[in-house]
N, C-alpha and C. Protein backbone atom coordinates (compact mmCIF):
# COMPACT_ATOMS: atom_id res chain seq x y z
N MET A 1 -238.06 -84.00 -100.58
CA MET A 1 -237.36 -82.79 -100.74
C MET A 1 -235.98 -82.95 -100.13
N LEU A 2 -234.91 -82.78 -100.88
CA LEU A 2 -233.53 -82.79 -100.40
C LEU A 2 -233.05 -81.41 -100.16
N GLU A 3 -232.32 -81.19 -99.01
CA GLU A 3 -231.87 -79.86 -98.70
C GLU A 3 -230.35 -79.89 -98.45
N GLY A 4 -229.71 -78.84 -99.04
CA GLY A 4 -228.29 -78.73 -98.88
C GLY A 4 -227.93 -77.27 -98.61
N SER A 5 -226.66 -77.08 -98.21
CA SER A 5 -226.30 -75.66 -97.99
C SER A 5 -224.78 -75.60 -98.12
N CYS A 6 -224.29 -74.30 -98.25
CA CYS A 6 -222.84 -74.04 -98.22
C CYS A 6 -222.40 -74.24 -96.79
N ASP A 7 -221.11 -74.04 -96.45
CA ASP A 7 -220.53 -74.25 -95.18
C ASP A 7 -221.17 -73.39 -94.10
N CYS A 8 -221.31 -72.11 -94.49
CA CYS A 8 -221.86 -71.17 -93.45
C CYS A 8 -223.46 -71.15 -93.36
N GLY A 9 -224.09 -71.87 -94.34
CA GLY A 9 -225.64 -71.88 -94.37
C GLY A 9 -226.21 -70.71 -94.98
N THR A 10 -225.50 -69.82 -95.62
CA THR A 10 -226.11 -68.60 -96.27
C THR A 10 -226.80 -69.04 -97.50
N VAL A 11 -226.21 -69.83 -98.32
CA VAL A 11 -226.79 -70.39 -99.63
C VAL A 11 -227.31 -71.75 -99.34
N ARG A 12 -228.65 -71.86 -99.61
CA ARG A 12 -229.27 -73.20 -99.44
C ARG A 12 -229.83 -73.63 -100.77
N ILE A 13 -229.92 -74.97 -100.93
CA ILE A 13 -230.45 -75.56 -102.15
C ILE A 13 -231.51 -76.59 -101.78
N GLU A 14 -232.58 -76.53 -102.44
CA GLU A 14 -233.60 -77.57 -102.32
C GLU A 14 -233.86 -78.27 -103.64
N LEU A 15 -233.90 -79.61 -103.62
CA LEU A 15 -234.18 -80.42 -104.83
C LEU A 15 -235.47 -81.14 -104.66
N THR A 16 -236.33 -81.19 -105.67
CA THR A 16 -237.53 -81.92 -105.67
C THR A 16 -237.43 -83.36 -106.18
N VAL A 17 -236.24 -83.66 -106.66
CA VAL A 17 -235.97 -84.99 -107.18
C VAL A 17 -234.65 -85.44 -106.56
N THR A 18 -234.49 -86.77 -106.44
CA THR A 18 -233.19 -87.31 -106.01
C THR A 18 -232.34 -87.81 -107.14
N PRO A 19 -231.13 -87.35 -107.28
CA PRO A 19 -230.27 -87.77 -108.40
C PRO A 19 -229.96 -89.20 -108.26
N THR A 20 -229.51 -89.81 -109.41
CA THR A 20 -229.09 -91.28 -109.34
C THR A 20 -227.54 -91.34 -109.36
N HIS A 21 -226.91 -90.23 -109.76
CA HIS A 21 -225.48 -90.21 -109.85
C HIS A 21 -224.89 -88.87 -109.79
N VAL A 22 -223.60 -88.74 -109.53
CA VAL A 22 -222.83 -87.45 -109.68
C VAL A 22 -221.75 -87.67 -110.67
N THR A 23 -221.31 -86.54 -111.23
CA THR A 23 -220.25 -86.49 -112.22
C THR A 23 -219.01 -85.96 -111.50
N ASP A 24 -217.90 -86.70 -111.67
CA ASP A 24 -216.50 -86.26 -111.22
C ASP A 24 -215.86 -85.84 -112.48
N CYS A 25 -215.85 -84.61 -112.76
CA CYS A 25 -215.27 -84.02 -113.97
C CYS A 25 -213.75 -83.57 -113.69
N ASN A 26 -212.87 -83.83 -114.63
CA ASN A 26 -211.49 -83.44 -114.44
C ASN A 26 -211.06 -82.32 -115.28
N CYS A 27 -212.10 -81.53 -115.78
CA CYS A 27 -211.69 -80.32 -116.60
C CYS A 27 -210.95 -79.34 -115.64
N GLY A 28 -210.36 -78.41 -116.18
CA GLY A 28 -209.48 -77.45 -115.41
C GLY A 28 -210.27 -76.79 -114.18
N ILE A 29 -211.55 -76.37 -114.42
CA ILE A 29 -212.24 -75.66 -113.37
C ILE A 29 -212.87 -76.68 -112.36
N CYS A 30 -213.50 -77.70 -112.82
CA CYS A 30 -214.12 -78.65 -111.88
C CYS A 30 -213.06 -79.31 -111.00
N ARG A 31 -211.94 -79.65 -111.56
CA ARG A 31 -210.88 -80.31 -110.83
C ARG A 31 -210.45 -79.36 -109.67
N ARG A 32 -210.30 -78.14 -110.00
CA ARG A 32 -209.97 -77.13 -108.93
C ARG A 32 -211.03 -76.82 -107.90
N TYR A 33 -212.26 -76.87 -108.30
CA TYR A 33 -213.39 -76.69 -107.35
C TYR A 33 -213.59 -77.93 -106.47
N GLY A 34 -213.30 -79.09 -106.99
CA GLY A 34 -213.45 -80.29 -106.14
C GLY A 34 -214.92 -80.62 -106.05
N ALA A 35 -215.78 -80.20 -106.81
CA ALA A 35 -217.24 -80.44 -106.91
C ALA A 35 -217.54 -81.72 -107.41
N ARG A 36 -218.67 -82.23 -107.12
CA ARG A 36 -219.35 -83.44 -107.74
C ARG A 36 -220.74 -82.93 -108.15
N TRP A 37 -220.89 -83.00 -109.44
CA TRP A 37 -222.19 -82.41 -110.00
C TRP A 37 -223.24 -83.42 -110.32
N SER A 38 -224.49 -83.05 -110.04
CA SER A 38 -225.67 -83.61 -110.60
C SER A 38 -226.33 -82.62 -111.39
N TYR A 39 -227.02 -83.07 -112.46
CA TYR A 39 -227.61 -82.07 -113.43
C TYR A 39 -229.17 -82.17 -113.34
N PHE A 40 -229.69 -81.00 -113.47
CA PHE A 40 -231.17 -80.88 -113.28
C PHE A 40 -231.83 -79.86 -114.18
N ASP A 41 -233.09 -80.01 -114.55
CA ASP A 41 -233.88 -78.95 -115.08
C ASP A 41 -234.05 -77.94 -113.97
N PRO A 42 -233.79 -76.62 -114.27
CA PRO A 42 -233.87 -75.59 -113.16
C PRO A 42 -235.22 -75.64 -112.49
N LYS A 43 -236.24 -76.16 -113.06
CA LYS A 43 -237.59 -76.13 -112.42
C LYS A 43 -237.64 -76.99 -111.25
N VAL A 44 -236.68 -77.96 -111.07
CA VAL A 44 -236.71 -78.84 -109.85
C VAL A 44 -235.66 -78.43 -108.77
N VAL A 45 -235.08 -77.34 -109.03
CA VAL A 45 -234.05 -76.74 -108.10
C VAL A 45 -234.45 -75.38 -107.58
N ARG A 46 -234.38 -75.27 -106.21
CA ARG A 46 -234.61 -73.92 -105.62
C ARG A 46 -233.35 -73.46 -104.93
N ILE A 47 -232.85 -72.40 -105.37
CA ILE A 47 -231.63 -71.74 -104.69
C ILE A 47 -232.19 -70.70 -103.77
N ILE A 48 -231.73 -70.70 -102.51
CA ILE A 48 -232.34 -69.84 -101.54
C ILE A 48 -231.22 -69.02 -100.92
N PRO A 49 -230.68 -68.01 -101.63
CA PRO A 49 -229.78 -67.10 -100.98
C PRO A 49 -230.46 -65.82 -100.77
N PRO A 50 -230.06 -65.14 -99.65
CA PRO A 50 -230.63 -63.75 -99.44
C PRO A 50 -230.06 -62.90 -100.56
N GLU A 51 -230.71 -61.78 -100.81
CA GLU A 51 -230.29 -60.83 -101.92
C GLU A 51 -228.77 -60.56 -101.82
N GLY A 52 -228.13 -60.76 -102.86
CA GLY A 52 -226.73 -60.47 -102.93
C GLY A 52 -225.72 -61.45 -102.20
N ALA A 53 -226.25 -62.59 -101.83
CA ALA A 53 -225.46 -63.58 -101.12
C ALA A 53 -224.44 -64.34 -101.98
N THR A 54 -224.61 -64.39 -103.31
CA THR A 54 -223.80 -65.10 -104.16
C THR A 54 -223.01 -64.14 -105.10
N THR A 55 -221.86 -64.69 -105.53
CA THR A 55 -221.06 -63.90 -106.51
C THR A 55 -220.97 -64.90 -107.74
N ILE A 56 -220.80 -64.39 -108.95
CA ILE A 56 -220.72 -65.29 -110.13
C ILE A 56 -219.37 -65.18 -110.84
N HIS A 57 -218.91 -66.27 -111.20
CA HIS A 57 -217.73 -66.28 -112.13
C HIS A 57 -218.18 -66.85 -113.37
N LYS A 58 -218.05 -66.03 -114.49
CA LYS A 58 -218.53 -66.41 -115.82
C LYS A 58 -217.32 -66.98 -116.52
N ARG A 59 -217.41 -68.21 -116.87
CA ARG A 59 -216.38 -68.86 -117.62
C ARG A 59 -216.61 -68.75 -119.07
N ALA A 60 -215.88 -67.94 -119.75
CA ALA A 60 -216.16 -67.48 -121.15
C ALA A 60 -216.07 -68.64 -122.16
N LYS A 61 -215.16 -69.60 -121.86
CA LYS A 61 -215.01 -70.65 -122.80
C LYS A 61 -216.37 -71.39 -123.16
N ARG A 62 -217.11 -71.54 -122.20
CA ARG A 62 -218.42 -72.30 -122.38
C ARG A 62 -219.66 -71.46 -121.96
N ASN A 63 -219.53 -70.22 -121.67
CA ASN A 63 -220.63 -69.32 -121.22
C ASN A 63 -221.34 -69.88 -120.01
N ILE A 64 -220.56 -70.46 -119.10
CA ILE A 64 -221.14 -71.05 -117.96
C ILE A 64 -220.96 -70.07 -116.73
N GLU A 65 -222.01 -69.89 -115.98
CA GLU A 65 -221.91 -69.06 -114.75
C GLU A 65 -221.79 -69.88 -113.45
N PHE A 66 -220.71 -69.94 -112.84
CA PHE A 66 -220.50 -70.59 -111.53
C PHE A 66 -220.85 -69.62 -110.39
N HIS A 67 -221.72 -70.09 -109.47
CA HIS A 67 -222.17 -69.32 -108.29
C HIS A 67 -221.54 -69.75 -107.04
N PHE A 68 -221.10 -68.73 -106.25
CA PHE A 68 -220.39 -69.03 -105.06
C PHE A 68 -221.04 -68.19 -103.91
N CYS A 69 -221.00 -68.76 -102.67
CA CYS A 69 -221.41 -67.96 -101.49
C CYS A 69 -220.37 -66.85 -101.21
N LYS A 70 -220.83 -65.69 -101.10
CA LYS A 70 -219.88 -64.58 -100.77
C LYS A 70 -219.29 -64.63 -99.44
N VAL A 71 -219.91 -65.44 -98.48
CA VAL A 71 -219.36 -65.44 -97.12
C VAL A 71 -218.34 -66.50 -96.87
N CYS A 72 -218.64 -67.74 -97.37
CA CYS A 72 -217.67 -68.82 -97.09
C CYS A 72 -216.97 -69.32 -98.40
N GLY A 73 -217.43 -68.95 -99.58
CA GLY A 73 -216.80 -69.24 -100.81
C GLY A 73 -217.13 -70.50 -101.48
N CYS A 74 -218.10 -71.26 -100.85
CA CYS A 74 -218.40 -72.60 -101.46
C CYS A 74 -219.09 -72.35 -102.88
N VAL A 75 -218.73 -73.17 -103.81
CA VAL A 75 -219.39 -73.24 -105.11
C VAL A 75 -220.69 -73.99 -104.92
N SER A 76 -221.80 -73.40 -105.30
CA SER A 76 -223.09 -74.07 -105.07
C SER A 76 -223.63 -74.70 -106.39
N HIS A 77 -223.55 -73.99 -107.49
CA HIS A 77 -224.21 -74.52 -108.69
C HIS A 77 -223.65 -73.76 -109.90
N TRP A 78 -223.96 -74.22 -111.08
CA TRP A 78 -223.62 -73.46 -112.39
C TRP A 78 -224.87 -73.56 -113.26
N CYS A 79 -224.92 -72.62 -114.07
CA CYS A 79 -226.01 -72.48 -115.11
C CYS A 79 -225.48 -71.84 -116.32
N VAL A 80 -226.20 -72.13 -117.36
CA VAL A 80 -225.87 -71.47 -118.68
C VAL A 80 -227.14 -70.76 -119.10
N PRO A 81 -227.09 -69.45 -118.82
CA PRO A 81 -228.29 -68.66 -118.99
C PRO A 81 -228.65 -68.59 -120.55
N PHE A 82 -229.99 -68.70 -120.76
CA PHE A 82 -230.59 -68.56 -122.09
C PHE A 82 -230.19 -69.61 -123.06
N GLU A 83 -229.60 -70.69 -122.71
CA GLU A 83 -229.16 -71.68 -123.76
C GLU A 83 -230.07 -72.94 -123.62
N TYR A 84 -230.09 -73.59 -122.51
CA TYR A 84 -230.92 -74.82 -122.41
C TYR A 84 -231.28 -74.97 -120.92
N PRO A 85 -232.32 -75.79 -120.69
CA PRO A 85 -232.85 -75.96 -119.37
C PRO A 85 -232.00 -77.01 -118.58
N ARG A 86 -230.77 -76.67 -118.27
CA ARG A 86 -230.00 -77.62 -117.51
C ARG A 86 -229.10 -76.80 -116.57
N MET A 87 -228.85 -77.28 -115.34
CA MET A 87 -227.93 -76.66 -114.44
C MET A 87 -227.26 -77.80 -113.66
N GLY A 88 -226.03 -77.44 -113.17
CA GLY A 88 -225.36 -78.42 -112.35
C GLY A 88 -225.38 -77.86 -110.87
N VAL A 89 -225.66 -78.90 -110.03
CA VAL A 89 -225.68 -78.57 -108.62
C VAL A 89 -224.52 -79.33 -107.94
N ASN A 90 -223.80 -78.68 -107.11
CA ASN A 90 -222.69 -79.29 -106.43
C ASN A 90 -223.24 -80.12 -105.30
N MET A 91 -223.24 -81.39 -105.44
CA MET A 91 -223.81 -82.38 -104.51
C MET A 91 -223.02 -82.45 -103.16
N ARG A 92 -221.79 -81.90 -103.23
CA ARG A 92 -221.06 -81.81 -101.93
C ARG A 92 -221.70 -80.83 -100.92
N MET A 93 -222.73 -80.13 -101.38
CA MET A 93 -223.48 -79.16 -100.47
C MET A 93 -224.52 -79.99 -99.62
N PHE A 94 -224.73 -81.20 -99.97
CA PHE A 94 -225.77 -82.04 -99.34
C PHE A 94 -225.10 -83.03 -98.32
N PRO A 95 -225.87 -83.60 -97.44
CA PRO A 95 -225.28 -84.49 -96.43
C PRO A 95 -224.42 -85.53 -97.08
N PRO A 96 -223.23 -85.89 -96.43
CA PRO A 96 -222.33 -86.85 -96.90
C PRO A 96 -223.00 -88.22 -97.21
N GLU A 97 -223.95 -88.61 -96.40
CA GLU A 97 -224.59 -89.90 -96.72
C GLU A 97 -225.34 -89.97 -97.96
N LEU A 98 -225.90 -88.80 -98.39
CA LEU A 98 -226.54 -88.79 -99.71
C LEU A 98 -225.46 -88.91 -100.80
N LEU A 99 -224.40 -88.19 -100.66
CA LEU A 99 -223.33 -88.15 -101.69
C LEU A 99 -222.79 -89.67 -101.82
N ALA A 100 -222.55 -90.30 -100.65
CA ALA A 100 -222.06 -91.64 -100.65
C ALA A 100 -222.93 -92.65 -101.41
N SER A 101 -224.28 -92.34 -101.38
CA SER A 101 -225.19 -93.29 -101.94
C SER A 101 -225.27 -93.14 -103.43
N LEU A 102 -224.67 -92.24 -104.03
CA LEU A 102 -224.84 -91.91 -105.54
C LEU A 102 -223.74 -92.51 -106.26
N LYS A 103 -224.02 -93.08 -107.41
CA LYS A 103 -223.06 -93.70 -108.32
C LYS A 103 -222.17 -92.50 -108.85
N VAL A 104 -220.87 -92.71 -108.95
CA VAL A 104 -219.98 -91.71 -109.50
C VAL A 104 -219.61 -92.04 -110.90
N GLU A 105 -219.81 -91.10 -111.75
CA GLU A 105 -219.45 -91.18 -113.21
C GLU A 105 -218.29 -90.24 -113.45
N PHE A 106 -217.29 -90.79 -114.09
CA PHE A 106 -216.11 -89.90 -114.37
C PHE A 106 -216.24 -89.26 -115.77
N CYS A 107 -215.96 -87.96 -115.81
CA CYS A 107 -216.02 -87.35 -117.07
C CYS A 107 -214.62 -86.81 -117.46
N ASP A 108 -214.06 -87.28 -118.45
CA ASP A 108 -212.67 -86.98 -118.87
C ASP A 108 -212.59 -85.75 -119.77
N ALA A 109 -213.17 -84.63 -119.22
CA ALA A 109 -213.21 -83.38 -120.01
C ALA A 109 -211.87 -82.74 -120.25
N ALA A 110 -210.85 -83.15 -119.51
CA ALA A 110 -209.56 -82.63 -119.69
C ALA A 110 -208.97 -82.97 -121.01
N SER A 111 -209.50 -84.07 -121.66
CA SER A 111 -208.95 -84.51 -122.91
C SER A 111 -209.69 -83.99 -124.10
N TRP A 112 -210.71 -83.23 -123.83
CA TRP A 112 -211.54 -82.70 -124.96
C TRP A 112 -210.90 -81.64 -125.73
C-alpha cells in the first residue's frame, strides 16, 4: 500500500498498486498545476478526505474534475465522472523517493 497526502495532511491517498511511470503533461492546466500524473482504475485508489475537505474545478473542455484540498490548495487527483474507469493521481503527493524512482513520460498535449 502506497500512502500520500497534501501538504497539510487533510487529503490522503492510498494506492493498492505501484505505478511504473508518471506523465509530465504540458497542457495549459497541467503545466500550471505542476503535477506529475499516474493513471489508475478508481478501484485501486482510496481518497480519504473528511467530508467537505476538497473543492472541485470542472474543466469544461474535457469534462474533467480536478480535486483540491480546501485547506492548503494542493491538487490531489482528477476524474471524469460517468465516462470511463480511469483517474489521474498527482504523484507529487507521495514521498519524493517514490516519485524519483518512476520513469517520466512527456505528454505534448499543448500541441493537440
